[in-house]
Amino acid sequence: MPEPRGTEVRHPLVELTLARVRELVREPEAVFWVFVFPIVLTAILGLAFRSRPPEALPVAVVEGPASAARLAALSSEPALKPEALGEAQARAALARGRVVLVVSAGEPPEYVYDPTQPESRAARLAVDAALQRAAGRQDSFTPGAVEITEPGARYVDFLVPGLLGMNLMGTGMWGVGFSLVVARNGKLLKRLVAAPARRSQLLAAQLIARLVFLVPEAGALLLFAWLALDVPMRGSALLLGAVSLFGALAFTGLGLLTAARPRTIEGVSGIMNLVMVPMWVFSGIFFSTERFPAAIQPFVQALPLTALNDALRGVILQGTGLSAVLPEMAILTVWGVLSFVLALKFFRWQ
């Protein structure tokens, strides 16, 4: 039957994309998690790791015959915050994290600390130096010190690209995956079977709608980091946009794949957590991936979030060019294409 005169007939892909965009815009929760939450999280972490003098390390001196002299020696060290405690109290304070090192009452003293904690190792060196000087040791020389406070070399500068990568992963997977499962659970996808739309068009519409929000999503976070936290933007804005685009495509593909089969929110939540938790841990959001053993580095470097975070940090903090981030963009491309192809194969309407 011919369409009534004056009725505009649009391609199914266009209609599905517009429907998904309207759905996102009309959801206050989606707007909050995509735009507001990343800025709030960045502001909180930026405040926590802002440039400021380091806090004195809390240490406990076990009460005993030499505790008064040791307490006086440690109190002269600005990097330490000593207090005298009974032995049981000192061990309890160490176990609860209230102090990072305990100086025993014996002679010579023993240092009780956790060598896996950087603060404990730093306290051990500072405590030993202060007590050795109090016992008469003379330093051969007084070293100079250069404190790094310039933008680009601070922890908050390292953190912002990781938060951007984490947000691109989260919105790409949760936003796309949840919408498909909700539509499947509400029988909406079943109705689309009778519509003139193929599964490839439905999945492509989800992907395109996700990209519509990419520029304001990434731009809002980076603009806030630049204005409020003085995070430098040293690379090409065009290359930064390309890296973000490849990252968004990769994680949207993974979101489509994880939502290809599940019928319930609980089911897709479990699958997504299974996919995302390893990347939260291994992909260098809050600390460098170099901390992991060499044996698992191939696995770590193959993760899409690792590639995205490395490329973002290279462009934002170091001003690297296209040739330097091509390997990371290739990894993201493989993940995105493979996920989309598999999603097409395994997708079901109901």
Protein backbone atom coordinates (compact mmCIF):
# COMPACT_ATOMS: atom_id res chain seq x y z
CA MET A 1 0.00 0.00 0.00
CA PRO A 2 1.51 3.38 -0.96
CA GLU A 3 2.41 5.88 1.77
CA PRO A 4 0.01 8.83 2.16
CA ARG A 5 1.12 11.93 0.25
CA GLY A 6 3.25 14.26 2.36
CA THR A 7 4.48 11.50 4.68
CA GLU A 8 8.27 11.42 4.91
CA VAL A 9 9.70 7.93 4.64
CA ARG A 10 13.05 7.62 6.38
CA HIS A 11 15.54 4.80 6.42
CA PRO A 12 15.08 2.34 9.32
CA LEU A 13 18.60 3.11 10.55
CA VAL A 14 17.74 6.81 10.82
CA GLU A 15 14.49 6.09 12.68
CA LEU A 16 16.15 3.68 15.11
CA THR A 17 19.00 6.11 15.76
CA LEU A 18 16.66 9.03 16.41
CA ALA A 19 14.57 6.87 18.74
CA ARG A 20 17.64 5.90 20.73
CA VAL A 21 18.88 9.50 20.95
CA ARG A 22 15.47 10.67 22.18
CA GLU A 23 15.44 7.85 24.73
CA LEU A 24 18.80 8.95 26.13
CA VAL A 25 17.90 12.64 26.24
CA ARG A 26 14.66 11.93 28.06
CA GLU A 27 16.35 9.88 30.78
CA PRO A 28 17.67 12.14 33.59
CA GLU A 29 19.63 9.21 34.99
CA ALA A 30 21.48 8.73 31.70
CA VAL A 31 22.33 12.45 31.49
CA PHE A 32 23.67 12.36 35.06
CA TRP A 33 25.86 9.27 34.58
CA VAL A 34 27.18 10.38 31.19
CA PHE A 35 27.87 14.06 31.87
CA VAL A 36 27.64 14.95 35.57
CA PHE A 37 29.10 11.94 37.38
CA PRO A 38 32.51 11.93 35.60
CA ILE A 39 32.99 15.62 36.45
CA VAL A 40 31.96 15.10 40.09
CA LEU A 41 34.33 12.11 40.40
CA THR A 42 37.17 14.08 38.80
CA ALA A 43 36.55 17.01 41.13
CA ILE A 44 36.60 14.78 44.22
CA LEU A 45 39.79 12.98 43.19
CA GLY A 46 41.38 16.23 42.07
CA LEU A 47 40.68 17.68 45.51
CA ALA A 48 42.09 14.59 47.21
CA PHE A 49 45.29 14.61 45.13
CA ARG A 50 45.71 18.36 44.68
CA SER A 51 49.18 19.90 44.93
CA ARG A 52 49.95 20.30 48.63
CA PRO A 53 52.76 19.50 51.06
CA PRO A 54 52.89 15.79 51.92
CA GLU A 55 51.29 14.80 55.18
CA ALA A 56 53.55 13.64 58.00
CA LEU A 57 53.72 9.85 58.32
CA PRO A 58 52.18 8.57 61.58
CA VAL A 59 54.48 6.21 63.50
CA ALA A 60 54.22 4.64 66.94
CA VAL A 61 57.04 4.39 69.51
CA VAL A 62 56.50 1.57 72.00
CA GLU A 63 56.77 2.85 75.56
CA GLY A 64 59.94 1.84 77.36
CA PRO A 65 63.21 3.16 78.83
CA ALA A 66 64.35 4.68 75.52
CA SER A 67 60.94 5.82 74.23
CA ALA A 68 61.27 9.44 75.42
CA ALA A 69 64.59 9.96 73.61
CA ARG A 70 63.31 8.25 70.46
CA LEU A 71 60.11 10.28 70.52
CA ALA A 72 62.17 13.49 70.76
CA ALA A 73 64.42 12.42 67.88
CA LEU A 74 61.51 11.53 65.63
CA SER A 75 59.60 14.71 66.52
CA SER A 76 62.46 16.75 65.00
CA GLU A 77 61.81 15.10 61.63
CA PRO A 78 59.10 17.08 59.72
CA ALA A 79 58.14 14.04 57.64
CA LEU A 80 57.12 12.05 60.73
CA LYS A 81 54.29 12.28 63.24
CA PRO A 82 55.33 10.05 66.17
CA GLU A 83 53.35 9.08 69.26
CA ALA A 84 54.15 6.89 72.26
CA LEU A 85 51.90 3.86 72.74
CA GLY A 86 51.90 0.65 74.68
CA GLU A 87 53.01 -2.41 72.72
CA ALA A 88 49.51 -3.83 72.32
CA GLN A 89 48.13 -0.43 71.36
CA ALA A 90 50.91 0.12 68.83
CA ARG A 91 50.33 -3.25 67.14
CA ALA A 92 46.58 -2.58 67.00
CA ALA A 93 47.17 0.87 65.49
CA LEU A 94 49.43 -0.68 62.82
CA ALA A 95 46.85 -3.35 62.01
CA ARG A 96 44.11 -0.73 61.61
CA GLY A 97 46.24 1.57 59.47
CA ARG A 98 46.34 4.41 62.02
CA VAL A 99 50.15 4.27 61.97
CA VAL A 100 52.42 3.01 59.20
CA LEU A 101 55.35 1.81 61.36
CA VAL A 102 56.06 0.77 64.94
CA VAL A 103 59.41 1.33 66.69
CA SER A 104 59.92 -1.40 69.30
CA ALA A 105 61.10 -0.76 72.87
CA GLY A 106 64.20 -2.95 72.53
CA GLU A 107 67.83 -1.93 72.10
CA PRO A 108 68.63 -1.67 69.27
CA PRO A 109 65.07 -0.95 68.12
CA GLU A 110 63.16 -3.04 65.61
CA TYR A 111 60.95 -1.51 62.94
CA VAL A 112 57.64 -3.27 62.47
CA TYR A 113 56.02 -2.32 59.15
CA ASP A 114 54.49 -3.63 55.93
CA PRO A 115 57.17 -3.57 53.19
CA THR A 116 54.52 -3.73 50.46
CA GLN A 117 53.18 -0.29 51.44
CA PRO A 118 55.08 2.71 49.98
CA GLU A 119 54.24 4.88 53.02
CA SER A 120 55.61 2.22 55.38
CA ARG A 121 58.86 1.96 53.42
CA ALA A 122 59.23 5.75 53.40
CA ALA A 123 58.58 5.87 57.15
CA ARG A 124 61.16 3.16 57.76
CA LEU A 125 63.86 5.21 55.99
CA ALA A 126 62.88 8.46 57.73
CA VAL A 127 62.69 6.85 61.19
CA ASP A 128 66.03 5.10 60.78
CA ALA A 129 67.76 8.28 59.58
CA ALA A 130 66.37 10.32 62.50
CA LEU A 131 67.35 7.73 65.12
CA GLN A 132 70.80 7.19 63.60
CA ARG A 133 71.49 10.94 63.65
CA ALA A 134 70.30 11.12 67.25
CA ALA A 135 72.78 8.33 68.06
CA GLY A 136 75.65 10.37 66.62
CA ARG A 137 75.77 9.46 62.94
CA GLN A 138 76.94 12.31 60.69
CA ASP A 139 75.69 12.70 57.15
CA SER A 140 78.47 12.90 54.55
CA PHE A 141 76.58 15.50 52.54
CA THR A 142 73.25 17.30 52.39
CA PRO A 143 71.47 16.48 49.11
CA GLY A 144 69.34 18.93 47.21
CA ALA A 145 65.72 18.28 46.36
CA VAL A 146 63.58 19.25 43.37
CA GLU A 147 59.83 18.91 43.94
CA ILE A 148 57.71 18.37 40.84
CA THR A 149 54.61 20.55 40.92
CA GLU A 150 54.24 21.56 37.28
CA PRO A 151 51.12 20.52 35.36
CA GLY A 152 51.60 17.31 33.45
CA ALA A 153 53.78 15.59 36.04
CA ARG A 154 51.32 15.36 38.93
CA TYR A 155 49.19 12.41 39.95
CA VAL A 156 45.98 14.26 39.08
CA ASP A 157 47.30 14.68 35.51
CA PHE A 158 47.86 10.92 35.32
CA LEU A 159 44.39 10.35 36.74
CA VAL A 160 42.22 12.42 34.37
CA PRO A 161 42.91 10.42 31.15
CA GLY A 162 42.24 7.21 33.06
CA LEU A 163 38.92 8.57 34.30
CA LEU A 164 38.01 9.60 30.75
CA GLY A 165 38.82 6.09 29.50
CA MET A 166 36.82 4.53 32.33
CA ASN A 167 33.84 6.75 31.51
CA LEU A 168 33.99 5.89 27.80
CA MET A 169 34.01 2.22 28.74
CA GLY A 170 31.17 2.52 31.25
CA THR A 171 28.80 4.56 29.11
CA GLY A 172 29.59 2.52 26.02
CA MET A 173 28.83 -0.79 27.69
CA TRP A 174 26.21 -0.03 30.33
CA GLY A 175 24.30 2.51 28.21
CA VAL A 176 24.03 0.26 25.16
CA GLY A 177 23.78 -3.09 26.91
CA PHE A 178 21.08 -2.08 29.38
CA SER A 179 18.89 -0.43 26.75
CA LEU A 180 18.89 -3.55 24.59
CA VAL A 181 18.10 -5.90 27.48
CA VAL A 182 15.34 -3.62 28.77
CA ALA A 183 13.84 -3.52 25.26
CA ARG A 184 14.11 -7.29 24.94
CA ASN A 185 12.59 -7.86 28.37
CA GLY A 186 9.74 -5.45 27.56
CA LYS A 187 8.96 -7.28 24.29
CA LEU A 188 9.91 -4.18 22.27
CA LEU A 189 12.55 -6.04 20.25
CA LYS A 190 10.02 -8.76 19.50
CA ARG A 191 7.77 -6.15 17.88
CA LEU A 192 10.65 -4.89 15.74
CA VAL A 193 10.91 -8.32 14.11
CA ALA A 194 7.86 -7.38 12.03
CA ALA A 195 9.26 -3.94 11.20
CA PRO A 196 11.33 -3.29 8.05
CA ALA A 197 14.56 -3.22 10.07
CA ARG A 198 17.40 -5.70 10.17
CA ARG A 199 19.40 -6.58 13.25
CA SER A 200 22.44 -4.88 11.74
CA GLN A 201 20.47 -1.63 11.53
CA LEU A 202 19.27 -1.93 15.10
CA LEU A 203 22.79 -2.50 16.43
CA ALA A 204 24.26 0.18 14.19
CA ALA A 205 21.65 2.65 15.51
CA GLN A 206 22.77 1.91 19.06
CA LEU A 207 26.35 2.57 18.03
CA ILE A 208 25.60 5.82 16.19
CA ALA A 209 23.44 7.15 19.03
CA ARG A 210 26.31 6.47 21.41
CA LEU A 211 28.68 8.51 19.22
CA VAL A 212 26.27 11.47 19.16
CA PHE A 213 27.06 12.07 22.83
CA LEU A 214 30.80 11.42 22.55
CA VAL A 215 31.95 15.00 21.94
CA PRO A 216 29.97 16.65 24.77
CA GLU A 217 30.76 13.75 27.11
CA ALA A 218 34.55 13.84 26.63
CA GLY A 219 34.64 17.60 26.08
CA ALA A 220 32.86 18.43 29.35
CA LEU A 221 35.27 16.29 31.40
CA LEU A 222 38.41 17.61 29.69
CA LEU A 223 37.24 21.22 29.87
CA PHE A 224 36.59 20.88 33.60
CA ALA A 225 40.01 19.26 34.14
CA TRP A 226 41.71 22.04 32.20
CA LEU A 227 39.90 24.93 33.89
CA ALA A 228 39.59 23.62 37.46
CA LEU A 229 42.61 21.35 37.84
CA ASP A 230 45.03 22.93 35.35
CA VAL A 231 45.52 19.61 33.54
CA PRO A 232 47.45 20.35 30.32
CA MET A 233 46.18 19.48 26.85
CA ARG A 234 49.42 19.17 24.90
CA GLY A 235 48.39 17.09 21.91
CA SER A 236 46.20 17.63 18.89
CA ALA A 237 42.51 18.03 19.66
CA LEU A 238 41.72 16.22 16.42
CA LEU A 239 43.87 13.24 17.40
CA LEU A 240 42.38 13.23 20.89
CA GLY A 241 38.93 13.10 19.32
CA ALA A 242 39.99 10.25 17.05
CA VAL A 243 41.36 8.22 19.97
CA SER A 244 38.16 8.82 21.96
CA LEU A 245 36.11 7.81 18.92
CA PHE A 246 37.98 4.53 18.50
CA GLY A 247 37.62 3.85 22.23
CA ALA A 248 33.88 4.58 22.17
CA LEU A 249 33.43 2.29 19.15
CA ALA A 250 35.33 -0.53 20.83
CA PHE A 251 33.31 -0.39 24.04
CA THR A 252 30.01 0.10 22.26
CA GLY A 253 30.81 -3.07 20.33
CA LEU A 254 31.53 -4.88 23.59
CA GLY A 255 28.28 -3.53 25.02
CA LEU A 256 26.36 -4.89 22.03
CA LEU A 257 28.05 -8.26 22.38
CA THR A 258 27.37 -8.61 26.11
CA ALA A 259 23.70 -7.72 25.53
CA ALA A 260 23.22 -9.96 22.49
CA ARG A 261 21.66 -12.82 24.47
CA PRO A 262 20.65 -11.95 28.08
CA ARG A 263 16.95 -11.48 28.83
CA THR A 264 17.20 -9.90 32.27
CA ILE A 265 19.02 -6.97 33.88
CA GLU A 266 20.62 -9.37 36.35
CA GLY A 267 21.97 -11.49 33.51
CA VAL A 268 23.55 -8.64 31.57
CA SER A 269 24.90 -7.07 34.79
CA GLY A 270 26.80 -10.26 35.60
CA ILE A 271 28.28 -10.53 32.11
CA MET A 272 29.28 -6.87 32.05
CA ASN A 273 30.93 -7.06 35.44
CA LEU A 274 32.83 -10.12 34.25
CA VAL A 275 34.11 -8.09 31.28
CA MET A 276 34.72 -4.76 33.00
CA VAL A 277 36.17 -5.68 36.41
CA PRO A 278 39.46 -7.00 34.97
CA MET A 279 39.88 -3.72 33.09
CA TRP A 280 39.12 -1.66 36.20
CA VAL A 281 41.92 -3.55 37.95
CA PHE A 282 44.54 -4.08 35.24
CA SER A 283 44.14 -1.21 32.76
CA GLY A 284 45.92 1.59 34.61
CA ILE A 285 43.06 3.84 35.64
CA PHE A 286 44.49 4.79 39.04
CA PHE A 287 48.07 3.50 38.80
CA SER A 288 50.52 2.44 36.12
CA THR A 289 50.17 -0.95 34.43
CA GLU A 290 53.94 -1.37 34.87
CA ARG A 291 53.30 -2.42 38.48
CA PHE A 292 52.00 -5.80 37.33
CA PRO A 293 54.42 -8.73 36.80
CA ALA A 294 56.00 -9.23 33.39
CA ALA A 295 54.27 -12.61 33.05
CA ILE A 296 50.81 -11.01 32.74
CA GLN A 297 51.84 -7.92 30.74
CA PRO A 298 50.72 -9.44 27.39
CA PHE A 299 47.23 -9.87 28.85
CA VAL A 300 47.25 -6.38 30.38
CA GLN A 301 48.43 -4.69 27.17
CA ALA A 302 45.84 -6.53 25.05
CA LEU A 303 42.91 -5.09 27.03
CA PRO A 304 41.03 -2.34 25.17
CA LEU A 305 40.95 -0.02 28.18
CA THR A 306 44.73 -0.29 28.57
CA ALA A 307 45.17 0.73 24.94
CA LEU A 308 42.71 3.61 25.31
CA ASN A 309 44.26 4.92 28.53
CA ASP A 310 47.79 4.73 27.12
CA ALA A 311 46.76 6.58 23.96
CA LEU A 312 44.84 9.25 25.90
CA ARG A 313 47.76 9.87 28.25
CA GLY A 314 50.18 10.06 25.35
CA VAL A 315 48.11 12.67 23.49
CA ILE A 316 46.98 14.71 26.51
CA LEU A 317 50.14 14.74 28.63
CA GLN A 318 52.97 14.17 26.17
CA GLY A 319 51.58 15.59 22.94
CA THR A 320 52.37 12.41 20.99
CA GLY A 321 51.44 12.21 17.32
CA LEU A 322 49.44 9.77 15.26
CA SER A 323 52.29 7.33 14.60
CA ALA A 324 52.88 6.85 18.34
CA VAL A 325 49.25 5.88 19.08
CA LEU A 326 48.62 3.74 15.99
CA PRO A 327 49.28 0.45 17.88
CA GLU A 328 46.71 1.36 20.54
CA MET A 329 44.19 2.45 17.90
CA ALA A 330 44.73 -0.85 16.08
CA ILE A 331 43.95 -2.77 19.29
CA LEU A 332 40.76 -0.75 19.78
CA THR A 333 39.76 -1.35 16.16
CA VAL A 334 40.18 -5.11 16.50
CA TRP A 335 38.10 -5.18 19.67
CA GLY A 336 35.37 -3.01 18.14
CA VAL A 337 35.06 -4.84 14.82
CA LEU A 338 35.26 -8.31 16.34
CA SER A 339 32.68 -7.46 19.03
CA PHE A 340 30.24 -5.99 16.49
CA VAL A 341 30.56 -9.01 14.15
CA LEU A 342 30.01 -11.45 17.02
CA ALA A 343 27.08 -9.37 18.30
CA LEU A 344 25.45 -9.65 14.88
CA LYS A 345 25.93 -13.40 14.94
CA PHE A 346 24.62 -14.06 18.45
CA PHE A 347 21.94 -11.35 18.73
CA ARG A 348 18.38 -12.48 19.33
CA TRP A 349 15.21 -10.44 19.28
CA GLN A 350 13.51 -12.16 22.21
